[in-house]
């Protein structure tokens, strides 16, 4: 899985876990909702600054958005 796909999956998962819509996340991050949608679909790559901004809104470490899930972790979830 490419890093863009990993980021897209982790962003969607973190957003849903926080109970935020794409619109709410975009508003809190000061960006357009369509950009969140494109990130979650893997259409765009996020800059390192954007990774940090989204992680801050989601109250997680930026590295959590880039972390690949291992097979053993996937089975636990």
N, C-alpha and C. Protein backbone atom coordinates (compact mmCIF):
# COMPACT_ATOMS: atom_id res chain seq x y z
N UNK A 1 0.86 -1.18 0.00
CA UNK A 1 0.00 0.00 0.00
C UNK A 1 0.90 1.24 0.00
N UNK A 2 0.61 2.17 -0.88
CA UNK A 2 1.39 3.40 -0.95
C UNK A 2 1.08 4.31 0.24
N UNK A 3 2.02 5.18 0.57
CA UNK A 3 1.86 6.05 1.74
C UNK A 3 0.64 6.95 1.60
N UNK A 4 0.31 7.34 0.38
CA UNK A 4 -0.88 8.18 0.17
C UNK A 4 -2.14 7.41 0.59
N UNK A 5 -2.19 6.13 0.27
CA UNK A 5 -3.33 5.29 0.66
C UNK A 5 -3.37 5.07 2.17
N UNK A 6 -2.21 4.90 2.76
CA UNK A 6 -2.12 4.75 4.21
C UNK A 6 -2.65 6.00 4.89
N UNK A 7 -2.19 7.16 4.43
CA UNK A 7 -2.65 8.43 4.99
C UNK A 7 -4.16 8.58 4.83
N UNK A 8 -4.67 8.28 3.65
CA UNK A 8 -6.11 8.41 3.37
C UNK A 8 -6.92 7.55 4.34
N UNK A 9 -6.51 6.31 4.50
CA UNK A 9 -7.23 5.39 5.40
C UNK A 9 -7.17 5.88 6.84
N UNK A 10 -5.97 6.28 7.28
CA UNK A 10 -5.81 6.73 8.66
C UNK A 10 -6.55 8.03 8.94
N UNK A 11 -6.57 8.93 7.97
CA UNK A 11 -7.30 10.19 8.13
C UNK A 11 -8.79 9.92 8.30
N UNK A 12 -9.35 9.10 7.44
CA UNK A 12 -10.77 8.77 7.51
C UNK A 12 -11.10 8.09 8.84
N UNK A 13 -10.26 7.15 9.24
CA UNK A 13 -10.48 6.42 10.49
C UNK A 13 -10.42 7.36 11.69
N UNK A 14 -9.43 8.24 11.74
CA UNK A 14 -9.29 9.18 12.85
C UNK A 14 -10.43 10.19 12.88
N UNK A 15 -10.84 10.65 11.71
CA UNK A 15 -11.96 11.61 11.64
C UNK A 15 -13.24 10.96 12.16
N UNK A 16 -13.50 9.74 11.71
CA UNK A 16 -14.71 9.04 12.16
C UNK A 16 -14.65 8.74 13.65
N UNK A 17 -13.48 8.36 14.16
CA UNK A 17 -13.33 8.07 15.58
C UNK A 17 -13.61 9.31 16.43
N UNK A 18 -13.28 10.46 15.89
CA UNK A 18 -13.51 11.73 16.58
C UNK A 18 -14.95 12.21 16.42
N UNK A 19 -15.71 11.54 15.52
CA UNK A 19 -17.10 11.90 15.30
C UNK A 19 -17.28 13.16 14.47
N UNK A 20 -16.29 13.45 13.62
CA UNK A 20 -16.34 14.65 12.80
C UNK A 20 -16.73 14.32 11.36
N UNK A 21 -17.52 15.19 10.77
CA UNK A 21 -17.79 15.10 9.34
C UNK A 21 -16.59 15.69 8.60
N UNK A 22 -16.53 15.45 7.31
CA UNK A 22 -15.48 16.09 6.52
C UNK A 22 -15.59 17.60 6.63
N UNK A 23 -16.81 18.09 6.62
CA UNK A 23 -17.03 19.53 6.70
C UNK A 23 -16.54 20.10 8.03
N UNK A 24 -16.83 19.40 9.12
CA UNK A 24 -16.41 19.87 10.45
C UNK A 24 -14.88 19.86 10.57
N UNK A 25 -14.25 18.80 10.08
CA UNK A 25 -12.79 18.73 10.12
C UNK A 25 -12.18 19.85 9.28
N UNK A 26 -12.73 20.05 8.10
CA UNK A 26 -12.23 21.11 7.22
C UNK A 26 -12.37 22.48 7.89
N UNK A 27 -13.50 22.73 8.50
CA UNK A 27 -13.74 24.01 9.17
C UNK A 27 -12.70 24.23 10.28
N UNK A 28 -12.50 23.21 11.12
CA UNK A 28 -11.55 23.33 12.23
C UNK A 28 -10.12 23.53 11.73
N UNK A 29 -9.80 22.93 10.58
CA UNK A 29 -8.45 23.04 10.03
C UNK A 29 -8.28 24.27 9.15
N UNK A 30 -9.38 24.95 8.86
CA UNK A 30 -9.31 26.15 8.02
C UNK A 30 -9.06 25.85 6.55
N UNK A 31 -9.60 24.73 6.08
CA UNK A 31 -9.45 24.36 4.68
C UNK A 31 -10.81 23.99 4.09
N UNK A 32 -10.84 23.72 2.81
CA UNK A 32 -12.08 23.39 2.12
C UNK A 32 -12.45 21.92 2.31
N UNK A 33 -13.73 21.63 2.43
CA UNK A 33 -14.19 20.26 2.61
C UNK A 33 -13.79 19.37 1.44
N UNK A 34 -13.79 19.92 0.24
CA UNK A 34 -13.45 19.10 -0.92
C UNK A 34 -11.98 18.63 -0.85
N UNK A 35 -11.14 19.40 -0.17
CA UNK A 35 -9.74 19.00 0.00
C UNK A 35 -9.66 17.78 0.93
N UNK A 36 -10.45 17.78 2.00
CA UNK A 36 -10.51 16.62 2.90
C UNK A 36 -10.97 15.40 2.12
N UNK A 37 -12.00 15.57 1.34
CA UNK A 37 -12.51 14.47 0.52
C UNK A 37 -11.44 13.92 -0.41
N UNK A 38 -10.72 14.80 -1.07
CA UNK A 38 -9.66 14.39 -1.99
C UNK A 38 -8.52 13.68 -1.24
N UNK A 39 -8.19 14.15 -0.05
CA UNK A 39 -7.16 13.48 0.74
C UNK A 39 -7.60 12.08 1.14
N UNK A 40 -8.85 11.95 1.55
CA UNK A 40 -9.36 10.65 1.98
C UNK A 40 -9.52 9.67 0.82
N UNK A 41 -9.64 10.17 -0.38
CA UNK A 41 -9.72 9.32 -1.57
C UNK A 41 -8.36 9.07 -2.19
N UNK A 42 -7.33 9.70 -1.65
CA UNK A 42 -5.98 9.53 -2.16
C UNK A 42 -5.72 10.27 -3.45
N UNK A 43 -6.55 11.26 -3.76
CA UNK A 43 -6.39 12.06 -4.98
C UNK A 43 -5.22 13.03 -4.82
N UNK A 44 -5.10 13.64 -3.64
CA UNK A 44 -4.03 14.58 -3.36
C UNK A 44 -3.11 14.02 -2.28
N UNK A 45 -1.89 14.48 -2.29
CA UNK A 45 -0.93 14.20 -1.21
C UNK A 45 -0.91 15.40 -0.28
N UNK A 46 -0.91 15.15 1.00
CA UNK A 46 -0.86 16.24 1.98
C UNK A 46 0.59 16.67 2.20
N UNK A 47 0.79 17.96 2.39
CA UNK A 47 2.11 18.45 2.78
C UNK A 47 2.34 18.08 4.24
N UNK A 48 3.57 18.14 4.66
CA UNK A 48 3.90 17.83 6.05
C UNK A 48 3.21 18.82 6.99
N UNK A 49 3.09 20.07 6.56
CA UNK A 49 2.38 21.07 7.37
C UNK A 49 0.90 20.70 7.51
N UNK A 50 0.30 20.22 6.44
CA UNK A 50 -1.11 19.83 6.48
C UNK A 50 -1.30 18.61 7.37
N UNK A 51 -0.38 17.67 7.31
CA UNK A 51 -0.45 16.50 8.20
C UNK A 51 -0.46 16.97 9.65
N UNK A 52 0.40 17.91 9.98
CA UNK A 52 0.45 18.46 11.33
C UNK A 52 -0.81 19.19 11.72
N UNK A 53 -1.35 19.97 10.81
CA UNK A 53 -2.57 20.72 11.09
C UNK A 53 -3.75 19.78 11.33
N UNK A 54 -3.91 18.77 10.48
CA UNK A 54 -5.01 17.83 10.64
C UNK A 54 -4.85 17.01 11.92
N UNK A 55 -3.63 16.60 12.22
CA UNK A 55 -3.38 15.84 13.44
C UNK A 55 -3.73 16.68 14.68
N UNK A 56 -3.40 17.95 14.65
CA UNK A 56 -3.72 18.83 15.78
C UNK A 56 -5.22 18.91 16.00
N UNK A 57 -5.97 19.07 14.91
CA UNK A 57 -7.43 19.14 15.03
C UNK A 57 -7.99 17.81 15.55
N UNK A 58 -7.41 16.71 15.08
CA UNK A 58 -7.87 15.38 15.49
C UNK A 58 -7.32 14.96 16.85
N UNK A 59 -6.42 15.78 17.41
CA UNK A 59 -5.81 15.52 18.71
C UNK A 59 -5.07 14.19 18.74
N UNK A 60 -4.27 13.97 17.68
CA UNK A 60 -3.43 12.78 17.60
C UNK A 60 -2.03 13.21 17.15
N UNK A 61 -1.08 12.33 17.28
CA UNK A 61 0.27 12.61 16.81
C UNK A 61 0.27 12.55 15.28
N UNK A 62 0.99 13.44 14.61
CA UNK A 62 1.06 13.40 13.16
C UNK A 62 1.49 12.04 12.62
N UNK A 63 2.37 11.37 13.33
CA UNK A 63 2.85 10.06 12.88
C UNK A 63 1.73 9.03 12.79
N UNK A 64 0.66 9.20 13.58
CA UNK A 64 -0.46 8.27 13.54
C UNK A 64 -1.16 8.29 12.18
N UNK A 65 -1.08 9.42 11.49
CA UNK A 65 -1.71 9.52 10.17
C UNK A 65 -0.87 8.84 9.08
N UNK A 66 0.37 8.53 9.38
CA UNK A 66 1.28 7.94 8.39
C UNK A 66 1.66 6.51 8.72
N UNK A 67 1.18 6.01 9.83
CA UNK A 67 1.58 4.69 10.31
C UNK A 67 0.89 3.58 9.53
N UNK A 68 1.71 2.67 9.01
CA UNK A 68 1.17 1.50 8.33
C UNK A 68 0.69 0.51 9.37
N UNK A 69 -0.43 -0.12 9.11
CA UNK A 69 -0.98 -1.10 10.03
C UNK A 69 -0.35 -2.45 9.73
N UNK A 70 0.19 -3.08 10.75
CA UNK A 70 0.78 -4.41 10.57
C UNK A 70 -0.32 -5.46 10.60
N UNK A 71 -0.02 -6.63 10.13
CA UNK A 71 -1.02 -7.70 10.11
C UNK A 71 -1.51 -8.03 11.51
N UNK A 72 -0.62 -8.10 12.48
CA UNK A 72 -1.03 -8.43 13.85
C UNK A 72 -1.92 -7.35 14.44
N UNK A 73 -1.63 -6.08 14.13
CA UNK A 73 -2.47 -4.97 14.61
C UNK A 73 -3.82 -5.01 13.92
N UNK A 74 -3.84 -5.37 12.64
CA UNK A 74 -5.08 -5.42 11.87
C UNK A 74 -6.02 -6.48 12.45
N UNK A 75 -5.47 -7.60 12.90
CA UNK A 75 -6.30 -8.66 13.46
C UNK A 75 -6.92 -8.25 14.79
N UNK A 76 -6.21 -7.44 15.57
CA UNK A 76 -6.70 -6.99 16.87
C UNK A 76 -7.85 -6.01 16.73
N UNK A 77 -7.86 -5.22 15.66
CA UNK A 77 -8.86 -4.16 15.49
C UNK A 77 -10.21 -4.66 15.10
